[in-house]
């Protein structure tokens, strides 16, 4: 857990404290970066950039919000910036991906989680990012729009399309599993 004392040590420039901060948060940072980019290499780049921004911005962090909330915003912003730079963000009108293969698992919960992960990975980045920001990180459509740089209405459209497509993919997966 990131404590106020650890953050204070980091602000004073204590290198070991910042290394401890990275150790404590790396899994969450990388996991979010990977969910947003869908690529391991890009997730590593996003995590590295996020830690650089955190290090530079730590002096200005006023602790009005939880550190984890601040950290998630930084990671999300880094991921969105990378996706925009690489021309991979906001492709809502992209061709729909092919159906997802059914995972080969005997445990129903693992199969459902795997099916959800696979289905999420097939969504266009713009839809996946909006869905994660809304349903996982509980941001409002207005907040998502500000983060992503689109109108609130566009967020709602992307969210609707993402949920609809996700439901279709999961329904197809369950139908296929029932036929096996």
Protein backbone atom coordinates (compact mmCIF):
# COMPACT_ATOMS: atom_id res chain seq x y z
CA UNK A 1 0.00 0.00 0.00
CA UNK A 2 1.24 3.47 -0.88
CA UNK A 3 1.46 5.51 2.31
CA UNK A 4 1.66 9.24 2.85
CA UNK A 5 5.12 8.68 4.36
CA UNK A 6 6.32 6.88 1.24
CA UNK A 7 5.00 9.71 -0.95
CA UNK A 8 6.73 12.28 1.28
CA UNK A 9 10.01 10.38 0.94
CA UNK A 10 9.57 10.28 -2.83
CA UNK A 11 8.96 14.04 -2.90
CA UNK A 12 12.23 14.58 -1.04
CA UNK A 13 13.99 12.73 -3.85
CA UNK A 14 14.61 9.46 -2.01
CA UNK A 15 15.47 7.05 -4.82
CA UNK A 16 14.80 3.96 -2.73
CA UNK A 17 11.37 5.29 -1.83
CA UNK A 18 10.50 5.76 -5.49
CA UNK A 19 11.75 2.25 -6.26
CA UNK A 20 9.46 0.99 -3.50
CA UNK A 21 6.58 2.98 -5.00
CA UNK A 22 7.22 1.34 -8.37
CA UNK A 23 7.44 -2.10 -6.76
CA UNK A 24 4.12 -1.58 -4.98
CA UNK A 25 2.24 -0.25 -8.00
CA UNK A 26 3.86 -1.88 -11.04
CA UNK A 27 1.39 -4.72 -11.38
CA UNK A 28 -1.61 -2.36 -11.39
CA UNK A 29 0.09 0.14 -13.71
CA UNK A 30 1.15 -2.49 -16.23
CA UNK A 31 -2.22 -4.27 -16.05
CA UNK A 32 -4.12 -1.07 -16.82
CA UNK A 33 -1.68 -0.13 -19.58
CA UNK A 34 -2.06 -3.58 -21.13
CA UNK A 35 -5.88 -3.46 -20.96
CA UNK A 36 -5.87 -0.09 -22.67
CA UNK A 37 -3.32 -0.86 -25.40
CA UNK A 38 -3.83 -4.59 -25.88
CA UNK A 39 -0.11 -5.00 -26.56
CA UNK A 40 2.66 -6.07 -24.14
CA UNK A 41 5.38 -3.90 -25.66
CA UNK A 42 3.15 -0.83 -25.79
CA UNK A 43 2.02 -1.50 -22.22
CA UNK A 44 5.64 -1.51 -21.08
CA UNK A 45 6.24 1.79 -22.89
CA UNK A 46 3.10 3.28 -21.34
CA UNK A 47 4.10 2.12 -17.85
CA UNK A 48 7.57 3.59 -18.24
CA UNK A 49 6.18 6.93 -19.45
CA UNK A 50 3.61 6.93 -16.64
CA UNK A 51 6.28 6.46 -13.98
CA UNK A 52 8.31 9.26 -15.52
CA UNK A 53 5.26 11.55 -15.38
CA UNK A 54 4.50 10.46 -11.82
CA UNK A 55 8.06 11.20 -10.75
CA UNK A 56 7.95 14.65 -12.34
CA UNK A 57 4.46 15.43 -11.03
CA UNK A 58 4.75 14.05 -7.52
CA UNK A 59 5.65 17.44 -6.05
CA UNK A 60 2.37 18.82 -7.39
CA UNK A 61 0.23 15.91 -6.18
CA UNK A 62 -1.92 17.49 -3.47
CA UNK A 63 -3.47 14.27 -2.17
CA UNK A 64 -7.00 15.61 -2.71
CA UNK A 65 -7.65 12.27 -4.37
CA UNK A 66 -6.21 8.86 -3.56
CA UNK A 67 -2.78 8.23 -5.02
CA UNK A 68 -4.13 5.23 -6.94
CA UNK A 69 -6.76 7.42 -8.63
CA UNK A 70 -4.08 9.93 -9.65
CA UNK A 71 -1.85 7.09 -10.86
CA UNK A 72 -4.67 5.55 -12.95
CA UNK A 73 -5.33 8.90 -14.61
CA UNK A 74 -1.66 9.25 -15.54
CA UNK A 75 -1.52 5.72 -16.99
CA UNK A 76 -4.74 6.29 -18.92
CA UNK A 77 -3.48 9.60 -20.30
CA UNK A 78 -0.18 8.01 -21.35
CA UNK A 79 -2.00 5.13 -23.08
CA UNK A 80 -4.37 7.47 -24.90
CA UNK A 81 -1.47 9.68 -26.00
CA UNK A 82 0.43 6.68 -27.32
CA UNK A 83 -2.59 5.32 -29.18
CA UNK A 84 -3.25 8.74 -30.72
CA UNK A 85 0.39 9.13 -31.79
CA UNK A 86 0.34 5.73 -33.40
CA UNK A 87 -2.95 6.42 -35.15
CA UNK A 88 -4.72 3.59 -33.34
CA UNK A 89 -7.17 5.52 -31.20
CA UNK A 90 -10.80 6.27 -31.85
CA UNK A 91 -11.36 3.92 -34.76
CA UNK A 92 -15.00 3.35 -33.88
CA UNK A 93 -16.01 2.70 -37.47
CA UNK A 94 -13.38 0.02 -38.02
CA UNK A 95 -14.48 -3.28 -39.46
CA UNK A 96 -15.82 -5.56 -36.78
CA UNK A 97 -13.31 -8.27 -35.85
CA UNK A 98 -13.87 -11.94 -36.56
CA UNK A 99 -15.53 -14.10 -33.93
CA UNK A 100 -13.42 -15.10 -30.98
CA UNK A 101 -12.43 -18.77 -30.69
CA UNK A 102 -13.90 -20.57 -27.69
CA UNK A 103 -11.35 -21.00 -24.90
CA UNK A 104 -10.49 -24.59 -24.06
CA UNK A 105 -11.07 -24.67 -20.30
CA UNK A 106 -12.77 -27.00 -17.86
CA UNK A 107 -13.40 -24.37 -15.19
CA UNK A 108 -16.50 -22.31 -16.10
CA UNK A 109 -15.37 -19.16 -14.24
CA UNK A 110 -11.95 -19.23 -15.92
CA UNK A 111 -13.61 -19.86 -19.27
CA UNK A 112 -15.93 -16.89 -18.76
CA UNK A 113 -13.06 -14.64 -17.71
CA UNK A 114 -10.96 -15.82 -20.64
CA UNK A 115 -13.86 -15.28 -23.04
CA UNK A 116 -14.36 -11.77 -21.66
CA UNK A 117 -10.64 -10.96 -22.04
CA UNK A 118 -10.62 -12.26 -25.60
CA UNK A 119 -13.77 -10.37 -26.48
CA UNK A 120 -12.41 -7.15 -24.94
CA UNK A 121 -9.21 -7.55 -26.96
CA UNK A 122 -11.20 -7.62 -30.20
CA UNK A 123 -12.91 -4.28 -29.56
CA UNK A 124 -11.50 -1.25 -31.37
CA UNK A 125 -9.22 0.76 -29.03
CA UNK A 126 -11.61 3.69 -28.81
CA UNK A 127 -14.42 1.45 -27.61
CA UNK A 128 -12.23 -0.63 -25.29
CA UNK A 129 -10.73 2.44 -23.59
CA UNK A 130 -14.13 4.04 -22.99
CA UNK A 131 -15.59 0.78 -21.68
CA UNK A 132 -12.69 0.22 -19.26
CA UNK A 133 -12.74 3.80 -18.03
CA UNK A 134 -16.49 3.59 -17.38
CA UNK A 135 -17.03 0.06 -16.11
CA UNK A 136 -13.72 -0.69 -14.41
CA UNK A 137 -12.59 2.74 -13.20
CA UNK A 138 -16.11 4.18 -12.77
CA UNK A 139 -15.45 7.51 -14.47
CA UNK A 140 -18.42 9.54 -15.68
CA UNK A 141 -19.02 10.02 -19.40
CA UNK A 142 -18.07 13.68 -18.97
CA UNK A 143 -14.76 12.74 -17.28
CA UNK A 144 -14.02 10.16 -19.97
CA UNK A 145 -14.72 12.74 -22.67
CA UNK A 146 -12.29 15.17 -21.03
CA UNK A 147 -9.61 12.49 -20.72
CA UNK A 148 -10.01 11.21 -24.26
CA UNK A 149 -10.68 14.57 -25.89
CA UNK A 150 -14.12 13.83 -27.34
CA UNK A 151 -17.65 15.04 -26.62
CA UNK A 152 -19.71 13.36 -23.92
CA UNK A 153 -22.20 12.20 -26.58
CA UNK A 154 -19.42 10.44 -28.49
CA UNK A 155 -18.40 8.68 -25.26
CA UNK A 156 -21.96 7.41 -24.87
CA UNK A 157 -22.04 6.16 -28.46
CA UNK A 158 -18.72 4.34 -28.06
CA UNK A 159 -19.84 2.88 -24.75
CA UNK A 160 -23.11 1.66 -26.27
CA UNK A 161 -21.35 0.10 -29.26
CA UNK A 162 -18.71 -1.53 -27.06
CA UNK A 163 -21.26 -3.08 -24.73
CA UNK A 164 -23.42 -4.25 -27.63
CA UNK A 165 -20.46 -5.85 -29.42
CA UNK A 166 -19.16 -7.41 -26.21
CA UNK A 167 -22.58 -8.95 -25.53
CA UNK A 168 -22.72 -10.34 -29.08
CA UNK A 169 -19.26 -11.86 -28.75
CA UNK A 170 -19.99 -13.42 -25.38
CA UNK A 171 -23.38 -14.75 -26.54
CA UNK A 172 -21.68 -16.34 -29.56
CA UNK A 173 -19.02 -17.86 -27.32
CA UNK A 174 -21.64 -19.32 -24.97
CA UNK A 175 -23.67 -20.70 -27.89
CA UNK A 176 -20.58 -22.34 -29.35
CA UNK A 177 -19.65 -23.79 -25.96
CA UNK A 178 -23.15 -25.26 -25.63
CA UNK A 179 -22.82 -26.98 -29.01
CA UNK A 180 -19.53 -28.69 -28.13
